Amino acid sequence: MVQAFIAILAICVLAAMSLQANRRFQGEDRLPMQWSLDGSVNWTAPRALALSFTPCLAAVVLAATVALNIVLRPRPGQERLVIPTLIFIAVMFIGAHALHLRLIGNSLRRNG
């Protein structure tokens, strides 16, 4: 089951990114979650929630994608697209999480 392995690997990468960020931001109680176009922070969340949001969302989406692949078969001719699609989704979550962590770091550096 290659799909499950890809999903688990992506979730582990996201969790490792969050654990490292937790050590990096351990002095902060709340972390930014949303920014306006001028770069100011619109709202913050507790550190644990801010760092676990993307990995949890990815776990739900990737698990649903794998489950749907098990329950429903792709249309004829689309069988070869399942794994690349799952890899694309996983990479997008990793990229979004990396961007969020970078924006958090930039925001904290700029504000103090």
Foldseek 3Di string as FASTA:
>chain_A
DVLVVLLVVLLVLLVVVLVVLCVVPVVDQWFADDADPVLHGPDIDGSVCSSCVLSVVSNVVSVVLVVCCVVDPDDPPCNVVSVVVSNVSSVVSVVVSVVRSVSRVVSVVVVD
